[in-house]
């Protein structure tokens, strides 16, 4: 199903991990191979050669098989349904870990949570390569584990979402010098959290026992609390709420992983974006979700909370805000705008409830 923007929505269903995967793969059969081809081009541009990719995929499969074999079953189902090799599906789901093998300066996402009208609410911009815009979609996943809905990319099991228990998850990439593909990929961790965990506390406990060898932050909220969990090869660290809010960009805030951060990848951009968000929060507390979205508006000369692609650059360097997301875990809803915060008042939002 698509909306008037042509943005795909999948209803993924299945009583087993394999059937969930097949459902996803069948729905993407005509486009998943092309999505992998475009990602393979990106890997090469970022210095990740074919041999490095193959080795990374093998290491990821070994880690996932030892932790949650059902995830491998689901990935195999995607490959079967779409008619492409399993290795390509794994590479898509491990794209964060593979890209980390070829560091390059990046612009990325911004996330804020706040208590708005007595309810915890999260907002995020998802910034990514503009050439990959046609390969993201929304989905609802039903039948094995907790029902959940959100935004993800072609063939990737999960990214940003909310589940039927009222747990919401936002996703920001981080970078550490020790990052590699020897653990469970972050996108598969997102899928596991949303399908297995009912609360922030359960999700934090799951992340602490997972084999993690790469870096990202999951900012998670339920009706009781919000937290941003920084994951890295050196450990899992919680950044807790201050005055009912958590703010997240793309650098570590805990001193221990910060000591090993790849500063050249996201800085100084990330720190400048975080400072602007905090300055705005200190001036005015958001009174509704629309005001929370406006926190992430930026213009010429400001840190790029709203990211506009520089089309004079080449693939791998053209970053844009592809989507804007609002989660309300108490209502078990996620709202997704096909576009930037600048389009929030006039654009078409898709609302998914679980």
Protein backbone atom coordinates (compact mmCIF):
# COMPACT_ATOMS: atom_id res chain seq x y z
CA UNK A 1 0.00 0.00 0.00
CA UNK A 2 1.20 3.56 -0.74
CA UNK A 3 0.01 7.06 0.17
CA UNK A 4 -0.33 9.97 -2.25
CA UNK A 5 3.43 10.55 -1.98
CA UNK A 6 4.02 7.00 -3.22
CA UNK A 7 5.56 5.97 0.12
CA UNK A 8 5.24 2.24 0.68
CA UNK A 9 3.62 0.71 3.77
CA UNK A 10 4.03 -3.00 4.59
CA UNK A 11 1.76 -5.17 6.71
CA UNK A 12 4.26 -7.84 7.77
CA UNK A 13 2.59 -10.93 9.24
CA UNK A 14 3.63 -14.43 10.23
CA UNK A 15 3.32 -16.92 13.07
CA UNK A 16 7.03 -17.76 12.99
CA UNK A 17 10.23 -15.82 12.33
CA UNK A 18 10.62 -17.49 8.94
CA UNK A 19 7.09 -16.57 7.91
CA UNK A 20 7.57 -12.98 9.10
CA UNK A 21 10.63 -12.78 6.90
CA UNK A 22 8.89 -14.32 3.91
CA UNK A 23 6.03 -11.84 4.27
CA UNK A 24 8.47 -8.92 4.20
CA UNK A 25 10.50 -10.39 1.36
CA UNK A 26 7.48 -11.09 -0.84
CA UNK A 27 6.26 -7.51 -0.45
CA UNK A 28 9.68 -6.20 -1.52
CA UNK A 29 10.44 -8.74 -4.22
CA UNK A 30 10.59 -6.19 -7.03
CA UNK A 31 12.87 -3.66 -5.29
CA UNK A 32 15.01 -5.35 -2.64
CA UNK A 33 17.75 -6.38 -5.04
CA UNK A 34 18.07 -2.80 -6.26
CA UNK A 35 18.25 -1.52 -2.67
CA UNK A 36 21.16 -3.86 -2.00
CA UNK A 37 22.91 -2.74 -5.19
CA UNK A 38 22.72 0.90 -4.13
CA UNK A 39 24.05 0.05 -0.67
CA UNK A 40 26.87 -1.99 -2.19
CA UNK A 41 27.82 1.10 -4.22
CA UNK A 42 27.84 3.13 -0.99
CA UNK A 43 30.01 0.55 0.76
CA UNK A 44 32.59 0.76 -2.03
CA UNK A 45 32.54 4.58 -2.03
CA UNK A 46 33.20 4.52 1.71
CA UNK A 47 36.13 2.14 1.32
CA UNK A 48 34.39 -1.13 2.24
CA UNK A 49 35.46 -3.60 -0.45
CA UNK A 50 33.67 -6.78 -1.48
CA UNK A 51 35.98 -9.01 0.55
CA UNK A 52 35.57 -6.85 3.66
CA UNK A 53 31.80 -6.92 3.18
CA UNK A 54 31.73 -10.73 2.83
CA UNK A 55 33.88 -11.17 5.93
CA UNK A 56 31.70 -8.75 7.89
CA UNK A 57 28.52 -10.60 6.88
CA UNK A 58 30.01 -13.93 8.02
CA UNK A 59 31.00 -12.46 11.38
CA UNK A 60 27.56 -10.90 11.87
CA UNK A 61 25.82 -14.19 11.08
CA UNK A 62 27.97 -16.02 13.65
CA UNK A 63 27.16 -13.45 16.35
CA UNK A 64 23.42 -13.42 15.64
CA UNK A 65 23.19 -17.22 15.42
CA UNK A 66 24.74 -17.47 18.87
CA UNK A 67 22.37 -14.91 20.43
CA UNK A 68 18.98 -15.07 18.69
CA UNK A 69 18.92 -17.84 16.04
CA UNK A 70 15.33 -16.81 15.23
CA UNK A 71 16.71 -13.59 13.74
CA UNK A 72 18.72 -15.61 11.23
CA UNK A 73 15.54 -17.52 10.40
CA UNK A 74 13.74 -14.25 9.78
CA UNK A 75 16.53 -12.92 7.57
CA UNK A 76 16.53 -16.18 5.61
CA UNK A 77 12.79 -15.77 5.14
CA UNK A 78 13.30 -12.26 3.73
CA UNK A 79 15.83 -13.64 1.25
CA UNK A 80 13.48 -16.45 0.22
CA UNK A 81 10.50 -14.15 -0.18
CA UNK A 82 12.45 -11.60 -2.22
CA UNK A 83 14.45 -14.10 -4.23
CA UNK A 84 17.88 -12.67 -3.35
CA UNK A 85 20.87 -14.21 -1.51
CA UNK A 86 20.81 -14.29 2.29
CA UNK A 87 24.18 -12.50 2.35
CA UNK A 88 22.65 -9.44 0.72
CA UNK A 89 19.85 -9.29 3.29
CA UNK A 90 22.39 -9.59 6.12
CA UNK A 91 24.51 -6.82 4.59
CA UNK A 92 21.49 -4.49 4.53
CA UNK A 93 20.67 -5.22 8.17
CA UNK A 94 24.34 -4.75 9.10
CA UNK A 95 24.81 -1.61 7.02
CA UNK A 96 25.69 0.43 10.14
CA UNK A 97 28.42 -2.05 11.09
CA UNK A 98 29.79 -2.33 7.55
CA UNK A 99 29.87 1.43 6.99
CA UNK A 100 31.81 1.77 10.26
CA UNK A 101 34.67 -0.13 8.61
CA UNK A 102 35.21 2.79 6.24
CA UNK A 103 34.94 5.98 8.35
CA UNK A 104 34.01 9.21 6.64
CA UNK A 105 32.56 12.51 7.81
CA UNK A 106 28.78 12.36 8.18
CA UNK A 107 25.69 14.30 9.14
CA UNK A 108 23.04 12.41 11.02
CA UNK A 109 19.89 12.41 13.13
CA UNK A 110 18.60 14.46 16.08
CA UNK A 111 16.21 13.19 18.77
CA UNK A 112 14.40 14.86 21.68
CA UNK A 113 11.99 13.52 24.28
CA UNK A 114 9.83 15.69 26.53
CA UNK A 115 6.78 15.52 28.76
CA UNK A 116 4.12 17.29 26.70
CA UNK A 117 0.73 17.89 28.30
CA UNK A 118 1.54 15.20 30.88
CA UNK A 119 2.60 12.59 28.29
CA UNK A 120 6.06 11.50 27.28
CA UNK A 121 6.63 12.23 23.62
CA UNK A 122 9.58 11.67 21.32
CA UNK A 123 10.54 13.43 18.09
CA UNK A 124 13.32 12.65 15.64
CA UNK A 125 14.64 13.69 12.29
CA UNK A 126 16.05 10.83 10.22
CA UNK A 127 18.91 12.11 8.08
CA UNK A 128 20.43 9.84 5.46
CA UNK A 129 21.83 9.77 1.94
CA UNK A 130 19.34 11.43 -0.40
CA UNK A 131 20.00 8.75 -3.06
CA UNK A 132 18.49 6.14 -0.71
CA UNK A 133 15.27 8.06 -0.10
CA UNK A 134 13.19 5.73 -2.29
CA UNK A 135 14.22 2.70 -0.25
CA UNK A 136 12.56 3.49 3.08
CA UNK A 137 8.99 2.73 4.06
CA UNK A 138 6.67 2.29 7.02
CA UNK A 139 5.56 -1.07 8.36
CA UNK A 140 3.40 -2.84 10.92
CA UNK A 141 4.68 -6.21 12.17
CA UNK A 142 2.20 -8.73 13.59
CA UNK A 143 2.16 -12.39 14.55
CA UNK A 144 5.41 -13.31 16.30
CA UNK A 145 6.33 -11.31 19.38
CA UNK A 146 4.83 -7.95 20.31
CA UNK A 147 3.03 -6.10 17.54
CA UNK A 148 4.98 -3.01 16.52
CA UNK A 149 5.01 -0.32 13.86
CA UNK A 150 7.38 2.30 12.55
CA UNK A 151 9.86 3.32 9.88
CA UNK A 152 12.53 1.14 8.33
CA UNK A 153 14.42 0.54 5.09
CA UNK A 154 14.14 -2.10 2.39
CA UNK A 155 14.84 -5.55 3.85
CA UNK A 156 15.86 -4.16 7.26
CA UNK A 157 13.81 -5.65 10.08
CA UNK A 158 13.46 -2.49 12.17
CA UNK A 159 14.64 1.04 12.84
CA UNK A 160 12.40 3.56 14.64
CA UNK A 161 9.13 2.36 16.16
CA UNK A 162 6.60 1.81 18.93
CA UNK A 163 5.10 -1.45 20.19
CA UNK A 164 1.75 -2.56 21.58
CA UNK A 165 3.06 -2.44 25.16
CA UNK A 166 3.74 1.29 24.85
CA UNK A 167 7.52 1.24 24.35
CA UNK A 168 8.94 3.64 21.76
CA UNK A 169 12.43 3.52 20.25
CA UNK A 170 14.40 6.22 18.41
CA UNK A 171 17.73 5.46 16.70
CA UNK A 172 20.94 7.52 16.31
CA UNK A 173 24.27 6.21 15.00
CA UNK A 174 27.42 6.78 17.08
CA UNK A 175 31.04 6.02 16.20
CA UNK A 176 33.78 4.35 18.28
CA UNK A 177 37.32 3.43 17.22
CA UNK A 178 36.70 -0.23 18.15
CA UNK A 179 33.52 -0.62 16.08
CA UNK A 180 33.25 -3.79 14.03
CA UNK A 181 30.84 -6.48 12.80
CA UNK A 182 31.47 -9.04 15.56
CA UNK A 183 28.22 -8.44 17.43
CA UNK A 184 24.51 -8.16 16.78
CA UNK A 185 23.74 -5.36 14.27
CA UNK A 186 21.93 -2.35 15.68
CA UNK A 187 18.95 -2.71 13.35
CA UNK A 188 18.44 -6.29 14.55
CA UNK A 189 18.70 -5.09 18.15
CA UNK A 190 15.93 -2.58 17.40
CA UNK A 191 13.74 -5.39 16.07
CA UNK A 192 14.43 -7.51 19.16
CA UNK A 193 13.65 -4.69 21.59
CA UNK A 194 10.36 -3.82 19.91
CA UNK A 195 9.23 -7.45 19.59
CA UNK A 196 10.30 -8.62 23.08
CA UNK A 197 10.30 -5.70 25.56
CA UNK A 198 7.36 -4.06 27.30
CA UNK A 199 9.18 -1.32 29.23
CA UNK A 200 12.30 0.82 29.13
CA UNK A 201 13.69 -1.22 32.02
CA UNK A 202 13.23 -4.49 30.12
CA UNK A 203 14.84 -2.98 27.03
CA UNK A 204 17.89 -1.72 28.93
CA UNK A 205 18.34 -5.16 30.50
CA UNK A 206 18.17 -6.81 27.07
CA UNK A 207 20.75 -4.44 25.61
CA UNK A 208 23.11 -5.06 28.52
CA UNK A 209 23.16 -8.81 27.83
CA UNK A 210 23.43 -8.55 24.03
CA UNK A 211 26.78 -9.12 22.28
CA UNK A 212 27.52 -5.59 21.01
CA UNK A 213 30.55 -4.67 18.90
CA UNK A 214 29.35 -1.48 17.18
CA UNK A 215 27.93 1.86 18.31
CA UNK A 216 24.54 3.55 18.30
CA UNK A 217 22.11 5.12 20.75
CA UNK A 218 18.56 3.93 21.33
CA UNK A 219 16.48 6.67 22.92
CA UNK A 220 13.55 4.83 24.46
CA UNK A 221 10.47 5.99 26.29
CA UNK A 222 7.40 4.53 27.94
CA UNK A 223 4.81 6.15 30.20
CA UNK A 224 7.17 6.01 33.19
CA UNK A 225 10.49 7.29 31.89
CA UNK A 226 12.79 8.03 28.96
CA UNK A 227 16.46 7.17 28.56
CA UNK A 228 19.08 7.31 25.83
CA UNK A 229 21.20 4.15 25.87
CA UNK A 230 24.66 4.53 24.36
CA UNK A 231 25.94 1.21 23.05
CA UNK A 232 29.54 0.58 22.05
CA UNK A 233 32.25 -2.11 22.10
CA UNK A 234 33.30 -0.80 25.54
CA UNK A 235 29.88 -1.10 27.16
CA UNK A 236 26.31 0.13 27.49
CA UNK A 237 25.69 3.47 29.21
CA UNK A 238 22.46 5.23 30.19
CA UNK A 239 21.85 8.95 29.68
CA UNK A 240 18.86 9.70 31.87
CA UNK A 241 16.19 12.39 31.75
CA UNK A 242 16.86 15.91 32.98
CA UNK A 243 13.75 17.96 33.69
CA UNK A 244 11.68 15.36 31.85
CA UNK A 245 13.75 15.46 28.66
CA UNK A 246 16.50 13.52 26.89
CA UNK A 247 18.36 15.00 23.92
CA UNK A 248 20.41 12.97 21.49
CA UNK A 249 22.56 13.67 18.44
CA UNK A 250 25.51 11.56 17.21
CA UNK A 251 28.27 11.78 19.80
CA UNK A 252 28.76 9.94 23.08
CA UNK A 253 27.73 11.83 26.19
CA UNK A 254 29.21 9.34 28.69
CA UNK A 255 32.92 9.95 29.31
CA UNK A 256 34.01 6.31 28.99
CA UNK A 257 32.95 5.63 25.38
CA UNK A 258 33.63 9.27 24.49
CA UNK A 259 37.33 8.62 25.11
CA UNK A 260 37.36 6.26 22.12
CA UNK A 261 34.98 8.16 19.85
CA UNK A 262 35.64 8.68 16.14
CA UNK A 263 35.50 12.47 16.44
CA UNK A 264 36.19 12.96 12.75
CA UNK A 265 32.98 11.20 11.73
CA UNK A 266 30.27 13.36 13.36
CA UNK A 267 32.01 16.31 15.00
CA UNK A 268 31.78 19.26 15.40
CA UNK A 269 28.34 18.98 13.77
CA UNK A 270 26.85 16.72 16.47
CA UNK A 271 27.87 18.83 19.47
CA UNK A 272 26.64 21.99 17.76
CA UNK A 273 23.23 20.44 17.07
CA UNK A 274 22.90 19.24 20.67
CA UNK A 275 23.83 22.68 22.02
CA UNK A 276 21.17 24.33 19.85
CA UNK A 277 18.47 21.89 21.00
CA UNK A 278 19.35 22.49 24.64
CA UNK A 279 19.43 26.25 24.18
CA UNK A 280 15.93 26.15 22.70
CA UNK A 281 14.59 23.89 25.45
CA UNK A 282 15.99 26.24 28.09
CA UNK A 283 14.13 29.15 26.49
CA UNK A 284 10.71 27.55 25.98
CA UNK A 285 9.22 24.23 27.08
CA UNK A 286 7.26 22.59 24.22
CA UNK A 287 3.53 22.68 24.89
CA UNK A 288 2.45 20.18 22.22
CA UNK A 289 4.00 17.71 19.75
CA UNK A 290 4.05 20.35 17.01
CA UNK A 291 6.23 22.57 19.20
CA UNK A 292 8.54 19.62 19.82
CA UNK A 293 8.92 19.17 16.05
CA UNK A 294 9.73 22.87 15.69
CA UNK A 295 12.70 22.39 18.01
CA UNK A 296 14.35 20.52 15.13
CA UNK A 297 13.90 23.29 12.56
CA UNK A 298 17.08 24.96 11.41
CA UNK A 299 17.99 27.46 8.73
CA UNK A 300 21.00 28.91 6.96
CA UNK A 301 23.94 29.44 9.30
CA UNK A 302 22.54 27.18 12.03
CA UNK A 303 23.64 23.64 12.93
CA UNK A 304 21.72 21.30 10.59
CA UNK A 305 18.91 19.94 12.74
CA UNK A 306 17.00 20.02 9.46
CA UNK A 307 19.44 18.67 6.89
CA UNK A 308 19.28 19.80 3.25
CA UNK A 309 21.28 17.86 0.67
CA UNK A 310 24.11 19.69 -1.10
CA UNK A 311 23.53 18.43 -4.62
CA UNK A 312 26.89 19.79 -5.79
CA UNK A 313 28.48 16.90 -3.91
CA UNK A 314 28.53 13.21 -4.85
CA UNK A 315 26.87 10.03 -3.60
CA UNK A 316 28.03 9.39 -0.04
CA UNK A 317 28.17 13.12 0.75
CA UNK A 318 24.61 14.32 0.04
CA UNK A 319 22.72 14.19 3.33
CA UNK A 320 19.06 15.12 3.76
CA UNK A 321 16.32 14.83 6.34
CA UNK A 322 14.25 12.09 4.74
CA UNK A 323 11.62 11.74 7.48
CA UNK A 324 10.36 13.33 10.69
CA UNK A 325 8.96 11.02 13.37
CA UNK A 326 6.84 11.61 16.49
CA UNK A 327 6.19 8.81 19.02
CA UNK A 328 3.59 8.83 21.79
CA UNK A 329 4.02 5.58 23.74
CA UNK A 330 1.09 6.23 26.05
CA UNK A 331 -1.20 6.30 23.01
CA UNK A 332 0.82 3.53 21.30
CA UNK A 333 1.15 5.61 18.16
CA UNK A 334 3.91 6.73 15.82
CA UNK A 335 3.45 9.52 13.29
CA UNK A 336 5.79 9.68 10.31
CA UNK A 337 6.20 12.61 7.93
CA UNK A 338 7.61 11.91 4.50
CA UNK A 339 9.89 14.93 4.68
CA UNK A 340 11.51 17.58 6.86
CA UNK A 341 10.22 19.54 9.88
CA UNK A 342 9.80 22.47 7.50
CA UNK A 343 6.94 20.49 5.94
CA UNK A 344 5.30 19.53 9.24
CA UNK A 345 2.31 21.84 8.91
CA UNK A 346 1.55 21.19 5.24
CA UNK A 347 2.90 17.69 4.61
CA UNK A 348 1.11 14.34 4.89
CA UNK A 349 1.73 12.49 8.13
CA UNK A 350 1.10 8.77 8.34
CA UNK A 351 -0.20 7.68 11.78
CA UNK A 352 0.27 4.06 12.82
CA UNK A 353 -1.31 2.61 15.96
CA UNK A 354 -0.55 -0.72 17.63
